[in-house]
Amino acid sequence: MGGKRERAGFQIVQGPALWKALGFRNERAFQRARQNGWSEVPVYPIPGQSRGVYARLDELNAFLERKAAAAAGEGGPVR
């Protein structure tokens, strides 16, 4: 199950909604990128699950805004 939810007062994104928003074609590509040190957006483990992570929606939105600005030539590299 994926999509937006709330955890500790923050809206969160997980599952397919998360990796698709980040531009990955599938979950495995997202997992490989994380294993190789990709850390453009902080992700947090889902309590009580051995697998699965979530991102805070505000942090994801900030990253996507920086990425769009960089693509439009408004800034330097996406960080």
PDB file of N, CA and C in Angstrom:
ATOM      1  N   MET A   1       0.841  -1.175   0.000  1.00  0.00           N
ATOM      2  CA  MET A   1       0.000   0.000   0.000  1.00  0.00           C
ATOM      3  C   MET A   1       0.883   1.233   0.000  1.00  0.00           C
ATOM      4  N   GLY A   2       0.598   2.220  -0.815  1.00  0.00           N
ATOM      5  CA  GLY A   2       1.409   3.415  -0.878  1.00  0.00           C
ATOM      6  C   GLY A   2       0.544   4.650  -0.878  1.00  0.00           C
ATOM      7  N   GLY A   3       1.180   5.769  -1.003  1.00  0.00           N
ATOM      8  CA  GLY A   3       0.451   7.012  -1.074  1.00  0.00           C
ATOM      9  C   GLY A   3       0.770   7.924   0.072  1.00  0.00           C
ATOM     10  N   LYS A   4      -0.108   8.924   0.244  1.00  0.00           N
ATOM     11  CA  LYS A   4       0.103   9.913   1.297  1.00  0.00           C
ATOM     12  C   LYS A   4      -0.600   9.482   2.574  1.00  0.00           C
ATOM     13  N   ARG A   5       0.070   9.696   3.694  1.00  0.00           N
ATOM     14  CA  ARG A   5      -0.486   9.417   5.012  1.00  0.00           C
ATOM     15  C   ARG A   5       0.062  10.446   5.972  1.00  0.00           C
ATOM     16  N   GLU A   6      -0.262  10.292   7.238  1.00  0.00           N
ATOM     17  CA  GLU A   6       0.288  11.185   8.245  1.00  0.00           C
ATOM     18  C   GLU A   6       0.973  10.370   9.324  1.00  0.00           C
ATOM     19  N   ARG A   7       2.125  10.853   9.762  1.00  0.00           N
ATOM     20  CA  ARG A   7       2.891  10.189  10.811  1.00  0.00           C
ATOM     21  C   ARG A   7       3.544  11.286  11.641  1.00  0.00           C
ATOM     22  N   ALA A   8       3.347  11.263  12.933  1.00  0.00           N
ATOM     23  CA  ALA A   8       3.953  12.233  13.865  1.00  0.00           C
ATOM     24  C   ALA A   8       3.676  13.677  13.456  1.00  0.00           C
ATOM     25  N   GLY A   9       2.485  13.929  12.935  1.00  0.00           N
ATOM     26  CA  GLY A   9       2.109  15.294  12.577  1.00  0.00           C
ATOM     27  C   GLY A   9       2.559  15.749  11.205  1.00  0.00           C
ATOM     28  N   PHE A  10       3.269  14.914  10.476  1.00  0.00           N
ATOM     29  CA  PHE A  10       3.722  15.257   9.133  1.00  0.00           C
ATOM     30  C   PHE A  10       3.003  14.382   8.121  1.00  0.00           C
ATOM     31  N   GLN A  11       2.692  14.954   6.969  1.00  0.00           N
ATOM     32  CA  GLN A  11       2.194  14.123   5.887  1.00  0.00           C
ATOM     33  C   GLN A  11       3.381  13.375   5.319  1.00  0.00           C
ATOM     34  N   ILE A  12       3.165  12.111   4.981  1.00  0.00           N
ATOM     35  CA  ILE A  12       4.253  11.290   4.454  1.00  0.00           C
ATOM     36  C   ILE A  12       3.852  10.675   3.122  1.00  0.00           C
ATOM     37  N   VAL A  13       4.859  10.255   2.368  1.00  0.00           N
ATOM     38  CA  VAL A  13       4.658   9.561   1.096  1.00  0.00           C
ATOM     39  C   VAL A  13       5.484   8.288   1.167  1.00  0.00           C
ATOM     40  N   GLN A  14       4.902   7.177   0.713  1.00  0.00           N
ATOM     41  CA  GLN A  14       5.615   5.907   0.734  1.00  0.00           C
ATOM     42  C   GLN A  14       5.192   5.058  -0.452  1.00  0.00           C
ATOM     43  N   GLY A  15       5.880   3.957  -0.634  1.00  0.00           N
ATOM     44  CA  GLY A  15       5.547   3.002  -1.689  1.00  0.00           C
ATOM     45  C   GLY A  15       5.680   3.587  -3.086  1.00  0.00           C
ATOM     46  N   PRO A  16       4.849   3.109  -4.006  1.00  0.00           N
ATOM     47  CA  PRO A  16       4.944   3.563  -5.395  1.00  0.00           C
ATOM     48  C   PRO A  16       4.813   5.081  -5.555  1.00  0.00           C
ATOM     49  N   ALA A  17       4.014   5.712  -4.722  1.00  0.00           N
ATOM     50  CA  ALA A  17       3.876   7.167  -4.821  1.00  0.00           C
ATOM     51  C   ALA A  17       5.215   7.854  -4.580  1.00  0.00           C
ATOM     52  N   LEU A  18       6.016   7.306  -3.674  1.00  0.00           N
ATOM     53  CA  LEU A  18       7.321   7.886  -3.365  1.00  0.00           C
ATOM     54  C   LEU A  18       8.301   7.669  -4.504  1.00  0.00           C
ATOM     55  N   TRP A  19       8.527   6.400  -4.887  1.00  0.00           N
ATOM     56  CA  TRP A  19       9.563   6.176  -5.894  1.00  0.00           C
ATOM     57  C   TRP A  19       9.186   6.722  -7.259  1.00  0.00           C
ATOM     58  N   LYS A  20       7.891   6.791  -7.575  1.00  0.00           N
ATOM     59  CA  LYS A  20       7.480   7.395  -8.849  1.00  0.00           C
ATOM     60  C   LYS A  20       7.697   8.904  -8.819  1.00  0.00           C
ATOM     61  N   ALA A  21       7.387   9.545  -7.686  1.00  0.00           N
ATOM     62  CA  ALA A  21       7.598  10.996  -7.571  1.00  0.00           C
ATOM     63  C   ALA A  21       9.071  11.352  -7.720  1.00  0.00           C
ATOM     64  N   LEU A  22       9.942  10.447  -7.285  1.00  0.00           N
ATOM     65  CA  LEU A  22      11.381  10.680  -7.380  1.00  0.00           C
ATOM     66  C   LEU A  22      11.950  10.314  -8.747  1.00  0.00           C
ATOM     67  N   GLY A  23      11.108   9.784  -9.634  1.00  0.00           N
ATOM     68  CA  GLY A  23      11.534   9.506 -11.001  1.00  0.00           C
ATOM     69  C   GLY A  23      12.075   8.111 -11.253  1.00  0.00           C
ATOM     70  N   PHE A  24      11.900   7.206 -10.298  1.00  0.00           N
ATOM     71  CA  PHE A  24      12.371   5.836 -10.501  1.00  0.00           C
ATOM     72  C   PHE A  24      11.305   5.037 -11.239  1.00  0.00           C
ATOM     73  N   ARG A  25      11.767   4.150 -12.129  1.00  0.00           N
ATOM     74  CA  ARG A  25      10.836   3.352 -12.936  1.00  0.00           C
ATOM     75  C   ARG A  25      10.146   2.258 -12.135  1.00  0.00           C
ATOM     76  N   ASN A  26      10.840   1.771 -11.107  1.00  0.00           N
ATOM     77  CA  ASN A  26      10.245   0.713 -10.292  1.00  0.00           C
ATOM     78  C   ASN A  26      10.883   0.709  -8.906  1.00  0.00           C
ATOM     79  N   GLU A  27      10.311  -0.092  -8.019  1.00  0.00           N
ATOM     80  CA  GLU A  27      10.794  -0.141  -6.646  1.00  0.00           C
ATOM     81  C   GLU A  27      12.227  -0.641  -6.566  1.00  0.00           C
ATOM     82  N   ARG A  28      12.576  -1.606  -7.397  1.00  0.00           N
ATOM     83  CA  ARG A  28      13.924  -2.167  -7.369  1.00  0.00           C
ATOM     84  C   ARG A  28      14.971  -1.107  -7.718  1.00  0.00           C
ATOM     85  N   ALA A  29      14.686  -0.258  -8.693  1.00  0.00           N
ATOM     86  CA  ALA A  29      15.618   0.811  -9.052  1.00  0.00           C
ATOM     87  C   ALA A  29      15.803   1.772  -7.875  1.00  0.00           C
ATOM     88  N   PHE A  30      14.732   2.073  -7.181  1.00  0.00           N
ATOM     89  CA  PHE A  30      14.804   2.928  -6.000  1.00  0.00           C
ATOM     90  C   PHE A  30      15.645   2.262  -4.909  1.00  0.00           C
ATOM     91  N   GLN A  31      15.428   0.974  -4.684  1.00  0.00           N
ATOM     92  CA  GLN A  31      16.200   0.240  -3.677  1.00  0.00           C
ATOM     93  C   GLN A  31      17.684   0.232  -4.026  1.00  0.00           C
ATOM     94  N   ARG A  32      17.998  -0.015  -5.287  1.00  0.00           N
ATOM     95  CA  ARG A  32      19.407  -0.018  -5.707  1.00  0.00           C
ATOM     96  C   ARG A  32      20.056   1.335  -5.514  1.00  0.00           C
ATOM     97  N   ALA A  33      19.342   2.374  -5.851  1.00  0.00           N
ATOM     98  CA  ALA A  33      19.889   3.725  -5.674  1.00  0.00           C
ATOM     99  C   ALA A  33      20.169   3.999  -4.198  1.00  0.00           C
ATOM    100  N   ARG A  34      19.281   3.592  -3.328  1.00  0.00           N
ATOM    101  CA  ARG A  34      19.497   3.785  -1.888  1.00  0.00           C
ATOM    102  C   ARG A  34      20.697   2.974  -1.406  1.00  0.00           C
ATOM    103  N   GLN A  35      20.842   1.761  -1.898  1.00  0.00           N
ATOM    104  CA  GLN A  35      21.980   0.918  -1.505  1.00  0.00           C
ATOM    105  C   GLN A  35      23.303   1.522  -1.978  1.00  0.00           C
ATOM    106  N   ASN A  36      23.255   2.278  -3.075  1.00  0.00           N
ATOM    107  CA  ASN A  36      24.462   2.904  -3.627  1.00  0.00           C
ATOM    108  C   ASN A  36      24.705   4.304  -3.064  1.00  0.00           C
ATOM    109  N   GLY A  37      23.973   4.674  -2.021  1.00  0.00           N
ATOM    110  CA  GLY A  37      24.223   5.932  -1.348  1.00  0.00           C
ATOM    111  C   GLY A  37      23.407   7.123  -1.799  1.00  0.00           C
ATOM    112  N   TRP A  38      22.419   6.920  -2.634  1.00  0.00           N
ATOM    113  CA  TRP A  38      21.561   8.019  -3.066  1.00  0.00           C
ATOM    114  C   TRP A  38      20.847   8.592  -1.848  1.00  0.00           C
ATOM    115  N   SER A  39      20.883   9.908  -1.721  1.00  0.00           N
ATOM    116  CA  SER A  39      20.234  10.521  -0.559  1.00  0.00           C
ATOM    117  C   SER A  39      19.727  11.918  -0.867  1.00  0.00           C
ATOM    118  N   GLU A  40      19.106  12.089  -1.995  1.00  0.00           N
ATOM    119  CA  GLU A  40      18.587  13.403  -2.381  1.00  0.00           C
ATOM    120  C   GLU A  40      17.454  13.865  -1.465  1.00  0.00           C
ATOM    121  N   VAL A  41      16.667  12.923  -0.990  1.00  0.00           N
ATOM    122  CA  VAL A  41      15.561  13.217  -0.088  1.00  0.00           C
ATOM    123  C   VAL A  41      15.706  12.292   1.112  1.00  0.00           C
ATOM    124  N   PRO A  42      15.637  12.823   2.322  1.00  0.00           N
ATOM    125  CA  PRO A  42      15.723  11.934   3.488  1.00  0.00           C
ATOM    126  C   PRO A  42      14.561  10.951   3.501  1.00  0.00           C
ATOM    127  N   VAL A  43      14.883   9.686   3.713  1.00  0.00           N
ATOM    128  CA  VAL A  43      13.841   8.668   3.862  1.00  0.00           C
ATOM    129  C   VAL A  43      14.036   7.997   5.218  1.00  0.00           C
ATOM    130  N   TYR A  44      12.948   7.571   5.782  1.00  0.00           N
ATOM    131  CA  TYR A  44      12.943   7.023   7.131  1.00  0.00           C
ATOM    132  C   TYR A  44      12.308   5.641   7.119  1.00  0.00           C
ATOM    133  N   PRO A  45      12.798   4.723   7.949  1.00  0.00           N
ATOM    134  CA  PRO A  45      12.201   3.387   7.983  1.00  0.00           C
ATOM    135  C   PRO A  45      10.786   3.439   8.557  1.00  0.00           C
ATOM    136  N   ILE A  46       9.960   2.543   8.074  1.00  0.00           N
ATOM    137  CA  ILE A  46       8.597   2.441   8.589  1.00  0.00           C
ATOM    138  C   ILE A  46       8.643   1.579   9.848  1.00  0.00           C
ATOM    139  N   PRO A  47       8.266   2.126  10.998  1.00  0.00           N
ATOM    140  CA  PRO A  47       8.321   1.353  12.247  1.00  0.00           C
ATOM    141  C   PRO A  47       7.520   0.056  12.147  1.00  0.00           C
ATOM    142  N   GLY A  48       8.127  -1.009  12.631  1.00  0.00           N
ATOM    143  CA  GLY A  48       7.444  -2.299  12.652  1.00  0.00           C
ATOM    144  C   GLY A  48       7.530  -3.084  11.359  1.00  0.00           C
ATOM    145  N   GLN A  49       8.265  -2.582  10.380  1.00  0.00           N
ATOM    146  CA  GLN A  49       8.411  -3.303   9.117  1.00  0.00           C
ATOM    147  C   GLN A  49       9.892  -3.485   8.821  1.00  0.00           C
ATOM    148  N   SER A  50      10.244  -4.651   8.331  1.00  0.00           N
ATOM    149  CA  SER A  50      11.648  -4.904   8.007  1.00  0.00           C
ATOM    150  C   SER A  50      12.070  -4.198   6.723  1.00  0.00           C
ATOM    151  N   ARG A  51      11.109  -3.913   5.858  1.00  0.00           N
ATOM    152  CA  ARG A  51      11.386  -3.198   4.611  1.00  0.00           C
ATOM    153  C   ARG A  51      10.430  -2.036   4.503  1.00  0.00           C
ATOM    154  N   GLY A  52      10.777  -1.124   3.679  1.00  0.00           N
ATOM    155  CA  GLY A  52       9.893   0.000   3.413  1.00  0.00           C
ATOM    156  C   GLY A  52      10.359   1.263   4.095  1.00  0.00           C
ATOM    157  N   VAL A  53      10.232   2.351   3.384  1.00  0.00           N
ATOM    158  CA  VAL A  53      10.620   3.651   3.892  1.00  0.00           C
ATOM    159  C   VAL A  53       9.544   4.664   3.513  1.00  0.00           C
ATOM    160  N   TYR A  54       9.609   5.797   4.181  1.00  0.00           N
ATOM    161  CA  TYR A  54       8.724   6.886   3.814  1.00  0.00           C
ATOM    162  C   TYR A  54       9.531   8.173   3.782  1.00  0.00           C
ATOM    163  N   ALA A  55       8.984   9.178   3.127  1.00  0.00           N
ATOM    164  CA  ALA A  55       9.577  10.518   3.106  1.00  0.00           C
ATOM    165  C   ALA A  55       8.517  11.491   3.569  1.00  0.00           C
ATOM    166  N   ARG A  56       8.982  12.546   4.210  1.00  0.00           N
ATOM    167  CA  ARG A  56       8.044  13.602   4.595  1.00  0.00           C
ATOM    168  C   ARG A  56       7.647  14.363   3.342  1.00  0.00           C
ATOM    169  N   LEU A  57       6.368  14.656   3.215  1.00  0.00           N
ATOM    170  CA  LEU A  57       5.862  15.331   2.026  1.00  0.00           C
ATOM    171  C   LEU A  57       6.488  16.706   1.852  1.00  0.00           C
ATOM    172  N   ASP A  58       6.718  17.437   2.936  1.00  0.00           N
ATOM    173  CA  ASP A  58       7.322  18.761   2.801  1.00  0.00           C
ATOM    174  C   ASP A  58       8.750  18.667   2.270  1.00  0.00           C
ATOM    175  N   GLU A  59       9.513  17.670   2.701  1.00  0.00           N
ATOM    176  CA  GLU A  59      10.884  17.493   2.201  1.00  0.00           C
ATOM    177  C   GLU A  59      10.883  17.046   0.744  1.00  0.00           C
ATOM    178  N   LEU A  60       9.951  16.175   0.381  1.00  0.00           N
ATOM    179  CA  LEU A  60       9.836  15.730  -1.011  1.00  0.00           C
ATOM    180  C   LEU A  60       9.470  16.900  -1.910  1.00  0.00           C
ATOM    181  N   ASN A  61       8.504  17.706  -1.489  1.00  0.00           N
ATOM    182  CA  ASN A  61       8.102  18.867  -2.292  1.00  0.00           C
ATOM    183  C   ASN A  61       9.248  19.857  -2.464  1.00  0.00           C
ATOM    184  N   ALA A  62      10.011  20.097  -1.410  1.00  0.00           N
ATOM    185  CA  ALA A  62      11.149  21.021  -1.506  1.00  0.00           C
ATOM    186  C   ALA A  62      12.170  20.503  -2.522  1.00  0.00           C
ATOM    187  N   PHE A  63      12.452  19.210  -2.489  1.00  0.00           N
ATOM    188  CA  PHE A  63      13.388  18.613  -3.451  1.00  0.00           C
ATOM    189  C   PHE A  63      12.858  18.775  -4.874  1.00  0.00           C
ATOM    190  N   LEU A  64      11.581  18.472  -5.082  1.00  0.00           N
ATOM    191  CA  LEU A  64      11.012  18.561  -6.429  1.00  0.00           C
ATOM    192  C   LEU A  64      11.017  19.999  -6.936  1.00  0.00           C
ATOM    193  N   GLU A  65      10.790  20.968  -6.045  1.00  0.00           N
ATOM    194  CA  GLU A  65      10.845  22.374  -6.444  1.00  0.00           C
ATOM    195  C   GLU A  65      12.270  22.772  -6.844  1.00  0.00           C
ATOM    196  N   ARG A  66      13.271  22.322  -6.078  1.00  0.00           N
ATOM    197  CA  ARG A  66      14.670  22.617  -6.423  1.00  0.00           C
ATOM    198  C   ARG A  66      15.035  21.971  -7.753  1.00  0.00           C
ATOM    199  N   LYS A  67      14.573  20.753  -7.968  1.00  0.00           N
ATOM    200  CA  LYS A  67      14.859  20.036  -9.213  1.00  0.00           C
ATOM    201  C   LYS A  67      14.236  20.769 -10.403  1.00  0.00           C
ATOM    202  N   ALA A  68      12.994  21.234 -10.241  1.00  0.00           N
ATOM    203  CA  ALA A  68      12.328  21.959 -11.324  1.00  0.00           C
ATOM    204  C   ALA A  68      13.027  23.286 -11.603  1.00  0.00           C
ATOM    205  N   ALA A  69      13.454  23.976 -10.543  1.00  0.00           N
ATOM    206  CA  ALA A  69      14.158  25.250 -10.724  1.00  0.00           C
ATOM    207  C   ALA A  69      15.479  25.038 -11.440  1.00  0.00           C
ATOM    208  N   ALA A  70      16.203  23.989 -11.081  1.00  0.00           N
ATOM    209  CA  ALA A  70      17.477  23.691 -11.739  1.00  0.00           C
ATOM    210  C   ALA A  70      17.254  23.343 -13.214  1.00  0.00           C
ATOM    211  N   ALA A  71      16.200  22.604 -13.498  1.00  0.00           N
ATOM    212  CA  ALA A  71      15.896  22.232 -14.880  1.00  0.00           C
ATOM    213  C   ALA A  71      15.515  23.457 -15.713  1.00  0.00           C
ATOM    214  N   ALA A  72      14.922  24.452 -15.059  1.00  0.00           N
ATOM    215  CA  ALA A  72      14.520  25.665 -15.753  1.00  0.00           C
ATOM    216  C   ALA A  72      15.661  26.674 -15.855  1.00  0.00           C
ATOM    217  N   GLY A  73      16.825  26.282 -15.321  1.00  0.00           N
ATOM    218  CA  GLY A  73      17.984  27.153 -15.398  1.00  0.00           C
ATOM    219  C   GLY A  73      18.014  28.232 -14.337  1.00  0.00           C
ATOM    220  N   GLU A  74      17.231  28.065 -13.286  1.00  0.00           N
ATOM    221  CA  GLU A  74      17.149  29.080 -12.240  1.00  0.00           C
ATOM    222  C   GLU A  74      18.160  28.879 -11.130  1.00  0.00           C
ATOM    223  N   GLY A  75      18.931  27.817 -11.187  1.00  0.00           N
ATOM    224  CA  GLY A  75      19.853  27.589 -10.084  1.00  0.00           C
ATOM    225  C   GLY A  75      20.928  26.604 -10.467  1.00  0.00           C
ATOM    226  N   GLY A  76      21.711  26.281  -9.479  1.00  0.00           N
ATOM    227  CA  GLY A  76      22.798  25.334  -9.680  1.00  0.00           C
ATOM    228  C   GLY A  76      22.283  23.919  -9.609  1.00  0.00           C
ATOM    229  N   PRO A  77      23.163  23.012  -9.219  1.00  0.00           N
ATOM    230  CA  PRO A  77      22.770  21.607  -9.153  1.00  0.00           C
ATOM    231  C   PRO A  77      21.721  21.372  -8.067  1.00  0.00           C
ATOM    232  N   VAL A  78      20.931  20.344  -8.273  1.00  0.00           N
ATOM    233  CA  VAL A  78      19.904  19.981  -7.313  1.00  0.00           C
ATOM    234  C   VAL A  78      20.561  19.393  -6.084  1.00  0.00           C
ATOM    235  N   ARG A  79      20.231  19.898  -4.907  1.00  0.00           N
ATOM    236  CA  ARG A  79      20.767  19.381  -3.650  1.00  0.00           C
ATOM    237  C   ARG A  79      19.657  19.197  -2.674  1.00  0.00           C
TER     238      ARG A  79
END
